[in-house]
Amino acid sequence: MKLKIKKGDTVRILAGNDKGKEGRVLELLPEKMRVVVEGINVRKRHMRPTPNAQQGQIIEREMPIHYSNVMLLDGAGKTTRLGVKTVEQNGETKKVRIARTTGEEV
C-alpha cells in the first residue's frame, strides 16, 4: 500500500506516549506501514563495542510508529487529510497534493 505522507512532511502524533507532539518525518517504512518522526518515540539502544568504537555506549534514537497514529499538518498548523488535484503547467498535467481543510498545496 502506498503511504500518502512523504519524507519531510510535518505531522502531529494522534496516539501513544507522545500524543499531541509535532515533528518532521525522517523515514518511511511502507512495507511495515510505519514512519520515523524526528524527536518522537525516542528509545535508548545499547551498542556493543566495535573496532571503530572501542567502548560500548547507550544511544537514543527515534523508533518507528504506525502510520495510522500520525496526521499531516497544513500551513496553518491544523491537522488535515490529503487530497489530490490535477494541475496543468506548460501543457503538462501534474498531480498535486492538497490539504482538505484549506485547499492549499502541501
C-alpha atoms as a PDB file:
ATOM      1  CA  MET A   1       0.000   0.000   0.000  1.00  0.00           C
ATOM      2  CA  LYS A   2       1.245   3.472  -0.856  1.00  0.00           C
ATOM      3  CA  LEU A   3       1.544   5.971   2.002  1.00  0.00           C
ATOM      4  CA  LYS A   4       0.198   9.492   1.446  1.00  0.00           C
ATOM      5  CA  ILE A   5       2.703  11.038   3.850  1.00  0.00           C
ATOM      6  CA  LYS A   6       6.109  11.818   2.371  1.00  0.00           C
ATOM      7  CA  LYS A   7       9.568  12.262   3.846  1.00  0.00           C
ATOM      8  CA  GLY A   8       9.970  15.805   5.189  1.00  0.00           C
ATOM      9  CA  ASP A   9       6.257  16.376   5.940  1.00  0.00           C
ATOM     10  CA  THR A  10       5.280  17.834   9.316  1.00  0.00           C
ATOM     11  CA  VAL A  11       2.898  15.614  11.264  1.00  0.00           C
ATOM     12  CA  ARG A  12       1.104  15.531  14.630  1.00  0.00           C
ATOM     13  CA  ILE A  13       1.009  12.383  16.766  1.00  0.00           C
ATOM     14  CA  LEU A  14      -2.545  11.167  17.453  1.00  0.00           C
ATOM     15  CA  ALA A  15      -1.943   8.283  19.871  1.00  0.00           C
ATOM     16  CA  GLY A  16       0.660   6.910  22.259  1.00  0.00           C
ATOM     17  CA  ASN A  17       3.044   8.418  24.805  1.00  0.00           C
ATOM     18  CA  ASP A  18       3.902  11.356  22.522  1.00  0.00           C
ATOM     19  CA  LYS A  19       0.268  12.250  21.717  1.00  0.00           C
ATOM     20  CA  GLY A  20      -0.110  15.896  20.641  1.00  0.00           C
ATOM     21  CA  LYS A  21       3.559  16.421  19.743  1.00  0.00           C
ATOM     22  CA  GLU A  22       4.644  17.509  16.280  1.00  0.00           C
ATOM     23  CA  GLY A  23       7.673  16.565  14.225  1.00  0.00           C
ATOM     24  CA  ARG A  24       9.122  16.081  10.763  1.00  0.00           C
ATOM     25  CA  VAL A  25       9.038  12.692   9.020  1.00  0.00           C
ATOM     26  CA  LEU A  26      12.595  11.362   8.721  1.00  0.00           C
ATOM     27  CA  GLU A  27      11.968   7.964   7.167  1.00  0.00           C
ATOM     28  CA  LEU A  28       9.143   5.880   5.696  1.00  0.00           C
ATOM     29  CA  LEU A  29       8.832   2.112   6.018  1.00  0.00           C
ATOM     30  CA  PRO A  30       5.932   1.346   3.619  1.00  0.00           C
ATOM     31  CA  GLU A  31       6.282  -2.440   3.809  1.00  0.00           C
ATOM     32  CA  LYS A  32       5.595  -2.282   7.566  1.00  0.00           C
ATOM     33  CA  MET A  33       3.200   0.733   7.369  1.00  0.00           C
ATOM     34  CA  ARG A  34       5.415   2.722   9.767  1.00  0.00           C
ATOM     35  CA  VAL A  35       7.068   6.147   9.863  1.00  0.00           C
ATOM     36  CA  VAL A  36      10.006   7.569  11.832  1.00  0.00           C
ATOM     37  CA  VAL A  37       9.325  11.069  13.180  1.00  0.00           C
ATOM     38  CA  GLU A  38      12.005  13.436  14.486  1.00  0.00           C
ATOM     39  CA  GLY A  39      12.026  13.572  18.310  1.00  0.00           C
ATOM     40  CA  ILE A  40       9.099  11.142  18.681  1.00  0.00           C
ATOM     41  CA  ASN A  41       9.163   7.649  20.236  1.00  0.00           C
ATOM     42  CA  VAL A  42      12.786   8.060  21.363  1.00  0.00           C
ATOM     43  CA  ARG A  43      14.228   4.899  22.899  1.00  0.00           C
ATOM     44  CA  LYS A  44      17.623   4.001  24.366  1.00  0.00           C
ATOM     45  CA  ARG A  45      19.669   1.405  22.480  1.00  0.00           C
ATOM     46  CA  HIS A  46      22.687  -0.376  23.937  1.00  0.00           C
ATOM     47  CA  MET A  47      25.502  -0.617  21.403  1.00  0.00           C
ATOM     48  CA  ARG A  48      28.252  -3.146  21.924  1.00  0.00           C
ATOM     49  CA  PRO A  49      31.918  -2.287  21.345  1.00  0.00           C
ATOM     50  CA  THR A  50      33.122  -2.423  17.733  1.00  0.00           C
ATOM     51  CA  PRO A  51      36.556  -1.976  16.187  1.00  0.00           C
ATOM     52  CA  ASN A  52      35.600   1.628  15.340  1.00  0.00           C
ATOM     53  CA  ALA A  53      34.143   2.481  18.753  1.00  0.00           C
ATOM     54  CA  GLN A  54      36.230   0.731  21.411  1.00  0.00           C
ATOM     55  CA  GLN A  55      33.713   1.454  24.154  1.00  0.00           C
ATOM     56  CA  GLY A  56      30.120   0.311  24.232  1.00  0.00           C
ATOM     57  CA  GLN A  57      27.579   3.064  24.588  1.00  0.00           C
ATOM     58  CA  ILE A  58      23.932   3.832  25.118  1.00  0.00           C
ATOM     59  CA  ILE A  59      22.424   5.946  22.358  1.00  0.00           C
ATOM     60  CA  GLU A  60      18.964   7.473  21.986  1.00  0.00           C
ATOM     61  CA  ARG A  61      17.231   7.119  18.641  1.00  0.00           C
ATOM     62  CA  GLU A  62      13.782   7.512  17.146  1.00  0.00           C
ATOM     63  CA  MET A  63      11.891   4.286  16.623  1.00  0.00           C
ATOM     64  CA  PRO A  64       9.136   3.767  14.041  1.00  0.00           C
ATOM     65  CA  ILE A  65       5.465   4.294  14.886  1.00  0.00           C
ATOM     66  CA  HIS A  66       2.437   3.103  12.938  1.00  0.00           C
ATOM     67  CA  TYR A  67       1.253   5.243  10.051  1.00  0.00           C
ATOM     68  CA  SER A  68      -2.297   5.449  11.451  1.00  0.00           C
ATOM     69  CA  ASN A  69      -1.038   7.266  14.574  1.00  0.00           C
ATOM     70  CA  VAL A  70       0.141  10.377  12.679  1.00  0.00           C
ATOM     71  CA  MET A  71      -1.741  13.064  10.750  1.00  0.00           C
ATOM     72  CA  LEU A  72      -0.404  15.656   8.342  1.00  0.00           C
ATOM     73  CA  LEU A  73      -0.379  19.359   9.273  1.00  0.00           C
ATOM     74  CA  ASP A  74      -1.380  22.079   6.803  1.00  0.00           C
ATOM     75  CA  GLY A  75       0.251  25.511   6.514  1.00  0.00           C
ATOM     76  CA  ALA A  76      -1.803  26.889   9.427  1.00  0.00           C
ATOM     77  CA  GLY A  77      -0.684  24.098  11.776  1.00  0.00           C
ATOM     78  CA  LYS A  78      -4.022  22.243  11.795  1.00  0.00           C
ATOM     79  CA  THR A  79      -4.373  18.537  11.127  1.00  0.00           C
ATOM     80  CA  THR A  80      -5.738  17.744   7.689  1.00  0.00           C
ATOM     81  CA  ARG A  81      -6.497  14.910   5.344  1.00  0.00           C
ATOM     82  CA  LEU A  82      -4.870  14.814   1.933  1.00  0.00           C
ATOM     83  CA  GLY A  83      -6.439  15.134  -1.472  1.00  0.00           C
ATOM     84  CA  VAL A  84      -5.022  15.067  -4.985  1.00  0.00           C
ATOM     85  CA  LYS A  85      -5.725  17.659  -7.662  1.00  0.00           C
ATOM     86  CA  THR A  86      -4.508  17.683 -11.243  1.00  0.00           C
ATOM     87  CA  VAL A  87      -2.869  20.931 -12.334  1.00  0.00           C
ATOM     88  CA  GLU A  88      -1.807  21.886 -15.832  1.00  0.00           C
ATOM     89  CA  GLN A  89       1.511  23.691 -16.210  1.00  0.00           C
ATOM     90  CA  ASN A  90       3.151  24.456 -19.556  1.00  0.00           C
ATOM     91  CA  GLY A  91       0.910  21.953 -21.335  1.00  0.00           C
ATOM     92  CA  GLU A  92       1.722  19.137 -18.868  1.00  0.00           C
ATOM     93  CA  THR A  93      -0.684  17.749 -16.299  1.00  0.00           C
ATOM     94  CA  LYS A  94       0.705  17.010 -12.835  1.00  0.00           C
ATOM     95  CA  LYS A  95      -0.886  15.569  -9.720  1.00  0.00           C
ATOM     96  CA  VAL A  96      -0.515  17.844  -6.681  1.00  0.00           C
ATOM     97  CA  ARG A  97      -1.219  17.010  -3.034  1.00  0.00           C
ATOM     98  CA  ILE A  98      -3.660  19.417  -1.393  1.00  0.00           C
ATOM     99  CA  ALA A  99      -4.869  19.910   2.180  1.00  0.00           C
ATOM    100  CA  ARG A 100      -8.579  19.127   2.543  1.00  0.00           C
ATOM    101  CA  THR A 101      -9.065  21.843   5.187  1.00  0.00           C
ATOM    102  CA  THR A 102      -7.739  24.798   3.178  1.00  0.00           C
ATOM    103  CA  GLY A 103      -7.361  23.536  -0.378  1.00  0.00           C
ATOM    104  CA  GLU A 104      -3.720  24.706  -0.476  1.00  0.00           C
ATOM    105  CA  GLU A 105      -0.837  22.682  -1.863  1.00  0.00           C
ATOM    106  CA  VAL A 106       1.128  20.710   0.691  1.00  0.00           C
END
